[in-house]
Amino acid sequence: MSRQRVLVVDDEAAIHRFLGPALVANGYEVLRADTGEAGLQAIATRAPDIVVLDLGLPDMDGKEVLRRLRTWSQLPVVILSARDREAEKIEALDTGADDFVNKPFGAGELMARLRAALRHRMQTAGEVPVLRVEDLEIDLPRHRVIRGGRELKLTPKEFDLLALLVRHAGKVVTHRQLLTTVWGPAHEHDTQYLRVYVGQLRQKIERDPAAPALIVTEPGIGYRLGWW
């Protein structure tokens, strides 16, 4: 039987030195990322079974990593952080974390919480399903978009944008929701920025970008994923 993969997203070398051997001793394969962006990339390309995520990352808050992840995956995530305020825990859990462990922590406690999170996900939700529209296939768990058997090359932001629309297929997603989820709260009013990315995405996935049928504009409101 293959080992389950645990991705540890933390910028503290000491955490990796401590956690790595403990996880291996408990039968896991260990993946490492030191930044939020590296963590998201590892999730998309290395297919971990569960993530241990620090909140205080050097490039973005761990909750932002979680928000972006939850647009396309229900992969179990256990937050590991020195932030022990109740409000932080509530926000992390509301954002989609499966559990929260405070630093400093015991290896035994963390292993128990990892096992519980993995059991819960196996019993309930799986990954977001693959969406197929004619010869277009959008595979969110594997981070792939294929048309006619050929994989399309999307940038990470283009894929994040498409993933959010797919998750809400058939519903209008507002400019603010798209901007804050994909780029962060500081960009909630950058609608022209969003239009540029939607235009780029349409060039890659629409049959006729001049008359888009998949990414449909709702004037003054946002966009929705439509159908041919």
C-alpha atoms as a PDB file:
ATOM      1  CA  MET A   1       0.000   0.000   0.000  1.00  0.00           C
ATOM      2  CA  SER A   2       1.333   3.445  -0.940  1.00  0.00           C
ATOM      3  CA  ARG A   3       1.950   5.952   1.814  1.00  0.00           C
ATOM      4  CA  GLN A   4      -0.399   8.889   2.247  1.00  0.00           C
ATOM      5  CA  ARG A   5       1.240  12.196   1.388  1.00  0.00           C
ATOM      6  CA  VAL A   6       1.321  15.085   3.834  1.00  0.00           C
ATOM      7  CA  LEU A   7       2.265  18.525   2.535  1.00  0.00           C
ATOM      8  CA  VAL A   8       3.709  20.774   5.252  1.00  0.00           C
ATOM      9  CA  VAL A   9       3.445  24.473   4.308  1.00  0.00           C
ATOM     10  CA  ASP A  10       5.559  26.420   6.815  1.00  0.00           C
ATOM     11  CA  ASP A  11       8.516  28.802   6.544  1.00  0.00           C
ATOM     12  CA  GLU A  12      10.147  27.677   9.815  1.00  0.00           C
ATOM     13  CA  ALA A  13      13.010  25.256   9.193  1.00  0.00           C
ATOM     14  CA  ALA A  14      12.700  23.985  12.768  1.00  0.00           C
ATOM     15  CA  ILE A  15       9.112  22.870  12.128  1.00  0.00           C
ATOM     16  CA  HIS A  16      10.189  20.870   9.088  1.00  0.00           C
ATOM     17  CA  ARG A  17      13.082  19.317  11.012  1.00  0.00           C
ATOM     18  CA  PHE A  18      10.704  18.247  13.770  1.00  0.00           C
ATOM     19  CA  LEU A  19       7.673  17.260  11.715  1.00  0.00           C
ATOM     20  CA  GLY A  20       9.416  15.469   8.856  1.00  0.00           C
ATOM     21  CA  PRO A  21      10.823  12.532  10.878  1.00  0.00           C
ATOM     22  CA  ALA A  22       7.663  12.325  13.029  1.00  0.00           C
ATOM     23  CA  LEU A  23       5.437  12.033   9.956  1.00  0.00           C
ATOM     24  CA  VAL A  24       7.707   9.462   8.311  1.00  0.00           C
ATOM     25  CA  ALA A  25       7.743   7.431  11.530  1.00  0.00           C
ATOM     26  CA  ASN A  26       3.936   7.417  11.428  1.00  0.00           C
ATOM     27  CA  GLY A  27       3.857   6.031   7.901  1.00  0.00           C
ATOM     28  CA  TYR A  28       3.434   9.206   5.830  1.00  0.00           C
ATOM     29  CA  GLU A  29       5.313  10.509   2.825  1.00  0.00           C
ATOM     30  CA  VAL A  30       6.314  14.138   3.444  1.00  0.00           C
ATOM     31  CA  LEU A  31       6.235  17.054   0.999  1.00  0.00           C
ATOM     32  CA  ARG A  32       7.551  20.508   1.901  1.00  0.00           C
ATOM     33  CA  ALA A  33       6.692  24.073   0.894  1.00  0.00           C
ATOM     34  CA  ASP A  34       8.026  27.271   2.480  1.00  0.00           C
ATOM     35  CA  THR A  35       5.554  29.800   0.988  1.00  0.00           C
ATOM     36  CA  GLY A  36       1.865  29.993   0.188  1.00  0.00           C
ATOM     37  CA  GLU A  37       2.406  30.069  -3.565  1.00  0.00           C
ATOM     38  CA  ALA A  38       4.745  27.079  -3.373  1.00  0.00           C
ATOM     39  CA  GLY A  39       2.142  25.277  -1.286  1.00  0.00           C
ATOM     40  CA  LEU A  40      -0.645  25.866  -3.806  1.00  0.00           C
ATOM     41  CA  GLN A  41       1.642  24.741  -6.622  1.00  0.00           C
ATOM     42  CA  ALA A  42       2.549  21.570  -4.715  1.00  0.00           C
ATOM     43  CA  ILE A  43      -1.111  20.810  -4.064  1.00  0.00           C
ATOM     44  CA  ALA A  44      -1.864  21.161  -7.774  1.00  0.00           C
ATOM     45  CA  THR A  45       1.079  19.120  -9.015  1.00  0.00           C
ATOM     46  CA  ARG A  46       2.110  16.677  -6.251  1.00  0.00           C
ATOM     47  CA  ALA A  47      -1.355  15.444  -5.182  1.00  0.00           C
ATOM     48  CA  PRO A  48      -0.983  15.349  -1.383  1.00  0.00           C
ATOM     49  CA  ASP A  49      -3.665  13.608   0.669  1.00  0.00           C
ATOM     50  CA  ILE A  50      -3.680  16.264   3.408  1.00  0.00           C
ATOM     51  CA  VAL A  51      -2.063  19.635   4.148  1.00  0.00           C
ATOM     52  CA  VAL A  52      -0.564  21.028   7.350  1.00  0.00           C
ATOM     53  CA  LEU A  53      -0.706  24.802   6.866  1.00  0.00           C
ATOM     54  CA  ASP A  54       0.897  27.616   8.858  1.00  0.00           C
ATOM     55  CA  LEU A  55      -0.940  30.957   8.949  1.00  0.00           C
ATOM     56  CA  GLY A  56       2.147  33.197   9.161  1.00  0.00           C
ATOM     57  CA  LEU A  57       3.735  32.644   5.765  1.00  0.00           C
ATOM     58  CA  PRO A  58       6.184  35.125   4.194  1.00  0.00           C
ATOM     59  CA  ASP A  59       4.236  35.805   0.981  1.00  0.00           C
ATOM     60  CA  MET A  60       0.592  35.618   2.086  1.00  0.00           C
ATOM     61  CA  ASP A  61      -1.570  34.783   5.062  1.00  0.00           C
ATOM     62  CA  GLY A  62      -2.345  31.098   5.411  1.00  0.00           C
ATOM     63  CA  LYS A  63      -6.068  31.883   5.309  1.00  0.00           C
ATOM     64  CA  GLU A  64      -5.583  33.304   1.811  1.00  0.00           C
ATOM     65  CA  VAL A  65      -3.961  30.023   0.772  1.00  0.00           C
ATOM     66  CA  LEU A  66      -6.993  28.252   2.181  1.00  0.00           C
ATOM     67  CA  ARG A  67      -9.464  30.557   0.418  1.00  0.00           C
ATOM     68  CA  ARG A  68      -7.793  29.973  -2.934  1.00  0.00           C
ATOM     69  CA  LEU A  69      -7.580  26.232  -2.372  1.00  0.00           C
ATOM     70  CA  ARG A  70     -11.253  25.975  -1.486  1.00  0.00           C
ATOM     71  CA  THR A  71     -12.266  27.385  -4.889  1.00  0.00           C
ATOM     72  CA  TRP A  72     -11.263  24.086  -6.479  1.00  0.00           C
ATOM     73  CA  SER A  73     -10.517  21.440  -3.861  1.00  0.00           C
ATOM     74  CA  GLN A  74     -11.857  19.955  -0.627  1.00  0.00           C
ATOM     75  CA  LEU A  75      -8.452  18.540   0.288  1.00  0.00           C
ATOM     76  CA  PRO A  76      -8.258  18.251   4.108  1.00  0.00           C
ATOM     77  CA  VAL A  77      -6.260  21.039   5.767  1.00  0.00           C
ATOM     78  CA  VAL A  78      -5.066  21.217   9.352  1.00  0.00           C
ATOM     79  CA  ILE A  79      -3.930  24.686  10.420  1.00  0.00           C
ATOM     80  CA  LEU A  80      -0.748  24.786  12.511  1.00  0.00           C
ATOM     81  CA  SER A  81      -0.071  28.221  13.976  1.00  0.00           C
ATOM     82  CA  ALA A  82       1.196  30.233  16.914  1.00  0.00           C
ATOM     83  CA  ARG A  83      -1.888  32.464  16.624  1.00  0.00           C
ATOM     84  CA  ASP A  84      -4.128  31.268  19.427  1.00  0.00           C
ATOM     85  CA  ARG A  85      -6.855  33.933  19.426  1.00  0.00           C
ATOM     86  CA  GLU A  86     -10.338  32.450  19.168  1.00  0.00           C
ATOM     87  CA  ALA A  87     -11.218  34.798  16.316  1.00  0.00           C
ATOM     88  CA  GLU A  88      -8.301  33.428  14.262  1.00  0.00           C
ATOM     89  CA  LYS A  89      -9.482  29.869  14.783  1.00  0.00           C
ATOM     90  CA  ILE A  90     -13.071  30.691  13.880  1.00  0.00           C
ATOM     91  CA  GLU A  91     -12.028  32.520  10.724  1.00  0.00           C
ATOM     92  CA  ALA A  92      -9.727  29.685   9.649  1.00  0.00           C
ATOM     93  CA  LEU A  93     -12.421  27.077  10.254  1.00  0.00           C
ATOM     94  CA  ASP A  94     -15.089  29.185   8.535  1.00  0.00           C
ATOM     95  CA  THR A  95     -12.753  29.566   5.577  1.00  0.00           C
ATOM     96  CA  GLY A  96     -12.582  25.795   5.231  1.00  0.00           C
ATOM     97  CA  ALA A  97      -9.941  24.385   7.559  1.00  0.00           C
ATOM     98  CA  ASP A  98     -10.672  20.939   8.973  1.00  0.00           C
ATOM     99  CA  ASP A  99      -8.862  21.499  12.275  1.00  0.00           C
ATOM    100  CA  PHE A 100      -6.541  23.894  14.129  1.00  0.00           C
ATOM    101  CA  VAL A 101      -3.486  22.993  16.212  1.00  0.00           C
ATOM    102  CA  ASN A 102      -1.627  25.621  18.248  1.00  0.00           C
ATOM    103  CA  LYS A 103       2.157  25.948  18.397  1.00  0.00           C
ATOM    104  CA  PRO A 104       3.864  24.629  20.458  1.00  0.00           C
ATOM    105  CA  PHE A 105       2.279  21.221  19.958  1.00  0.00           C
ATOM    106  CA  GLY A 106       2.891  17.543  20.585  1.00  0.00           C
ATOM    107  CA  ALA A 107       3.510  15.181  17.670  1.00  0.00           C
ATOM    108  CA  GLY A 108       0.976  12.702  19.035  1.00  0.00           C
ATOM    109  CA  GLU A 109      -1.808  15.292  19.075  1.00  0.00           C
ATOM    110  CA  LEU A 110      -1.067  16.390  15.512  1.00  0.00           C
ATOM    111  CA  MET A 111      -0.988  12.799  14.217  1.00  0.00           C
ATOM    112  CA  ALA A 112      -4.368  12.123  15.832  1.00  0.00           C
ATOM    113  CA  ARG A 113      -5.857  15.214  14.212  1.00  0.00           C
ATOM    114  CA  LEU A 114      -4.429  14.259  10.818  1.00  0.00           C
ATOM    115  CA  ARG A 115      -5.989  10.800  11.070  1.00  0.00           C
ATOM    116  CA  ALA A 116      -9.348  12.297  12.070  1.00  0.00           C
ATOM    117  CA  ALA A 117      -9.329  14.794   9.195  1.00  0.00           C
ATOM    118  CA  LEU A 118      -8.469  12.069   6.672  1.00  0.00           C
ATOM    119  CA  ARG A 119     -11.237   9.796   7.970  1.00  0.00           C
ATOM    120  CA  HIS A 120     -13.775  12.609   7.851  1.00  0.00           C
ATOM    121  CA  ARG A 121     -12.988  13.494   4.240  1.00  0.00           C
ATOM    122  CA  MET A 122     -13.131   9.863   3.152  1.00  0.00           C
ATOM    123  CA  GLN A 123     -16.580   9.534   4.713  1.00  0.00           C
ATOM    124  CA  THR A 124     -18.020  12.755   3.317  1.00  0.00           C
ATOM    125  CA  ALA A 125     -16.881  14.899   0.421  1.00  0.00           C
ATOM    126  CA  GLY A 126     -14.584  14.037  -2.441  1.00  0.00           C
ATOM    127  CA  GLU A 127     -12.871  16.405  -4.849  1.00  0.00           C
ATOM    128  CA  VAL A 128     -14.742  18.778  -7.108  1.00  0.00           C
ATOM    129  CA  PRO A 129     -15.828  16.688 -10.118  1.00  0.00           C
ATOM    130  CA  VAL A 130     -14.482  17.065 -13.610  1.00  0.00           C
ATOM    131  CA  LEU A 131     -16.601  19.387 -15.767  1.00  0.00           C
ATOM    132  CA  ARG A 132     -17.048  18.466 -19.441  1.00  0.00           C
ATOM    133  CA  VAL A 133     -18.681  20.677 -22.051  1.00  0.00           C
ATOM    134  CA  GLU A 134     -18.473  19.077 -25.499  1.00  0.00           C
ATOM    135  CA  ASP A 135     -14.742  18.577 -26.126  1.00  0.00           C
ATOM    136  CA  LEU A 136     -13.638  20.850 -23.261  1.00  0.00           C
ATOM    137  CA  GLU A 137     -12.666  19.129 -19.999  1.00  0.00           C
ATOM    138  CA  ILE A 138     -11.908  21.099 -16.824  1.00  0.00           C
ATOM    139  CA  ASP A 139     -10.304  18.816 -14.245  1.00  0.00           C
ATOM    140  CA  LEU A 140      -9.975  20.840 -11.047  1.00  0.00           C
ATOM    141  CA  PRO A 141      -8.417  18.186  -8.780  1.00  0.00           C
ATOM    142  CA  ARG A 142      -5.636  17.589 -11.318  1.00  0.00           C
ATOM    143  CA  HIS A 143      -5.335  21.273 -12.266  1.00  0.00           C
ATOM    144  CA  ARG A 144      -5.782  20.556 -15.984  1.00  0.00           C
ATOM    145  CA  VAL A 145      -7.878  22.015 -18.817  1.00  0.00           C
ATOM    146  CA  ILE A 146      -8.105  19.952 -22.007  1.00  0.00           C
ATOM    147  CA  ARG A 147      -9.781  20.640 -25.338  1.00  0.00           C
ATOM    148  CA  GLY A 148      -9.974  17.960 -27.999  1.00  0.00           C
ATOM    149  CA  GLY A 149      -7.320  15.901 -26.221  1.00  0.00           C
ATOM    150  CA  ARG A 150      -4.859  18.815 -26.050  1.00  0.00           C
ATOM    151  CA  GLU A 151      -3.946  20.348 -22.690  1.00  0.00           C
ATOM    152  CA  LEU A 152      -4.363  24.121 -22.566  1.00  0.00           C
ATOM    153  CA  LYS A 153      -1.709  26.176 -20.802  1.00  0.00           C
ATOM    154  CA  LEU A 154      -3.290  28.468 -18.222  1.00  0.00           C
ATOM    155  CA  THR A 155      -1.436  30.713 -15.801  1.00  0.00           C
ATOM    156  CA  PRO A 156      -2.070  30.054 -12.083  1.00  0.00           C
ATOM    157  CA  LYS A 157      -4.339  33.113 -11.814  1.00  0.00           C
ATOM    158  CA  GLU A 158      -6.283  32.137 -14.944  1.00  0.00           C
ATOM    159  CA  PHE A 159      -6.835  28.682 -13.501  1.00  0.00           C
ATOM    160  CA  ASP A 160      -7.875  30.077 -10.109  1.00  0.00           C
ATOM    161  CA  LEU A 161     -10.397  32.327 -11.854  1.00  0.00           C
ATOM    162  CA  LEU A 162     -11.791  29.476 -13.960  1.00  0.00           C
ATOM    163  CA  ALA A 163     -11.927  27.159 -10.943  1.00  0.00           C
ATOM    164  CA  LEU A 164     -14.039  29.616  -8.979  1.00  0.00           C
ATOM    165  CA  LEU A 165     -16.489  29.946 -11.877  1.00  0.00           C
ATOM    166  CA  VAL A 166     -16.663  26.169 -12.284  1.00  0.00           C
ATOM    167  CA  ARG A 167     -17.405  25.676  -8.604  1.00  0.00           C
ATOM    168  CA  HIS A 168     -20.359  28.054  -8.977  1.00  0.00           C
ATOM    169  CA  ALA A 169     -21.354  26.843 -12.463  1.00  0.00           C
ATOM    170  CA  GLY A 170     -24.606  28.386 -13.631  1.00  0.00           C
ATOM    171  CA  LYS A 171     -24.585  31.075 -10.921  1.00  0.00           C
ATOM    172  CA  VAL A 172     -23.452  34.676 -11.149  1.00  0.00           C
ATOM    173  CA  VAL A 173     -20.179  35.335  -9.331  1.00  0.00           C
ATOM    174  CA  THR A 174     -19.732  39.034  -8.581  1.00  0.00           C
ATOM    175  CA  HIS A 175     -16.685  41.088  -9.481  1.00  0.00           C
ATOM    176  CA  ARG A 176     -15.910  41.484  -5.796  1.00  0.00           C
ATOM    177  CA  GLN A 177     -16.148  37.753  -5.097  1.00  0.00           C
ATOM    178  CA  LEU A 178     -13.831  36.942  -7.988  1.00  0.00           C
ATOM    179  CA  LEU A 179     -11.307  39.653  -7.152  1.00  0.00           C
ATOM    180  CA  THR A 180     -11.139  39.039  -3.407  1.00  0.00           C
ATOM    181  CA  THR A 181     -10.957  35.252  -3.774  1.00  0.00           C
ATOM    182  CA  VAL A 182      -8.382  35.104  -6.563  1.00  0.00           C
ATOM    183  CA  TRP A 183      -6.297  38.239  -5.883  1.00  0.00           C
ATOM    184  CA  GLY A 184      -7.131  39.170  -2.300  1.00  0.00           C
ATOM    185  CA  PRO A 185      -9.188  41.842  -0.489  1.00  0.00           C
ATOM    186  CA  ALA A 186      -6.899  44.691  -1.586  1.00  0.00           C
ATOM    187  CA  HIS A 187      -8.068  44.167  -5.181  1.00  0.00           C
ATOM    188  CA  GLU A 188     -11.830  44.123  -4.622  1.00  0.00           C
ATOM    189  CA  HIS A 189     -12.376  47.221  -6.795  1.00  0.00           C
ATOM    190  CA  ASP A 190      -9.956  46.351  -9.640  1.00  0.00           C
ATOM    191  CA  THR A 191     -12.663  45.423 -12.145  1.00  0.00           C
ATOM    192  CA  GLN A 192     -10.566  46.452 -15.162  1.00  0.00           C
ATOM    193  CA  TYR A 193      -7.858  44.078 -13.940  1.00  0.00           C
ATOM    194  CA  LEU A 194     -10.464  41.316 -13.835  1.00  0.00           C
ATOM    195  CA  ARG A 195     -11.660  42.101 -17.364  1.00  0.00           C
ATOM    196  CA  VAL A 196      -8.129  41.662 -18.687  1.00  0.00           C
ATOM    197  CA  TYR A 197      -7.831  38.205 -17.130  1.00  0.00           C
ATOM    198  CA  VAL A 198     -11.290  37.155 -18.285  1.00  0.00           C
ATOM    199  CA  GLY A 199     -10.307  38.246 -21.805  1.00  0.00           C
ATOM    200  CA  GLN A 200      -7.125  36.183 -21.651  1.00  0.00           C
ATOM    201  CA  LEU A 201      -9.022  33.164 -20.365  1.00  0.00           C
ATOM    202  CA  ARG A 202     -11.650  33.459 -23.098  1.00  0.00           C
ATOM    203  CA  GLN A 203      -8.922  33.508 -25.741  1.00  0.00           C
ATOM    204  CA  LYS A 204      -7.765  30.128 -24.466  1.00  0.00           C
ATOM    205  CA  ILE A 205     -10.983  28.237 -23.743  1.00  0.00           C
ATOM    206  CA  GLU A 206     -13.808  29.737 -25.842  1.00  0.00           C
ATOM    207  CA  ARG A 207     -14.613  28.486 -29.340  1.00  0.00           C
ATOM    208  CA  ASP A 208     -15.242  32.080 -30.395  1.00  0.00           C
ATOM    209  CA  PRO A 209     -13.697  34.560 -27.914  1.00  0.00           C
ATOM    210  CA  ALA A 210     -15.555  37.421 -29.606  1.00  0.00           C
ATOM    211  CA  ALA A 211     -18.874  35.747 -28.777  1.00  0.00           C
ATOM    212  CA  PRO A 212     -18.176  33.925 -25.503  1.00  0.00           C
ATOM    213  CA  ALA A 213     -20.537  31.117 -24.581  1.00  0.00           C
ATOM    214  CA  LEU A 214     -18.727  29.629 -21.581  1.00  0.00           C
ATOM    215  CA  ILE A 215     -17.726  32.671 -19.532  1.00  0.00           C
ATOM    216  CA  VAL A 216     -20.805  34.869 -19.759  1.00  0.00           C
ATOM    217  CA  THR A 217     -20.801  38.527 -18.693  1.00  0.00           C
ATOM    218  CA  GLU A 218     -23.537  39.783 -16.396  1.00  0.00           C
ATOM    219  CA  PRO A 219     -23.240  43.552 -17.033  1.00  0.00           C
ATOM    220  CA  GLY A 220     -22.351  45.558 -13.961  1.00  0.00           C
ATOM    221  CA  ILE A 221     -22.444  42.455 -11.736  1.00  0.00           C
ATOM    222  CA  GLY A 222     -19.888  39.816 -12.671  1.00  0.00           C
ATOM    223  CA  TYR A 223     -19.619  36.578 -14.646  1.00  0.00           C
ATOM    224  CA  ARG A 224     -21.121  33.134 -14.723  1.00  0.00           C
ATOM    225  CA  LEU A 225     -20.168  29.869 -16.291  1.00  0.00           C
ATOM    226  CA  GLY A 226     -22.621  29.155 -19.129  1.00  0.00           C
ATOM    227  CA  TRP A 227     -23.095  26.326 -21.570  1.00  0.00           C
ATOM    228  CA  TRP A 228     -22.892  25.865 -25.346  1.00  0.00           C
END
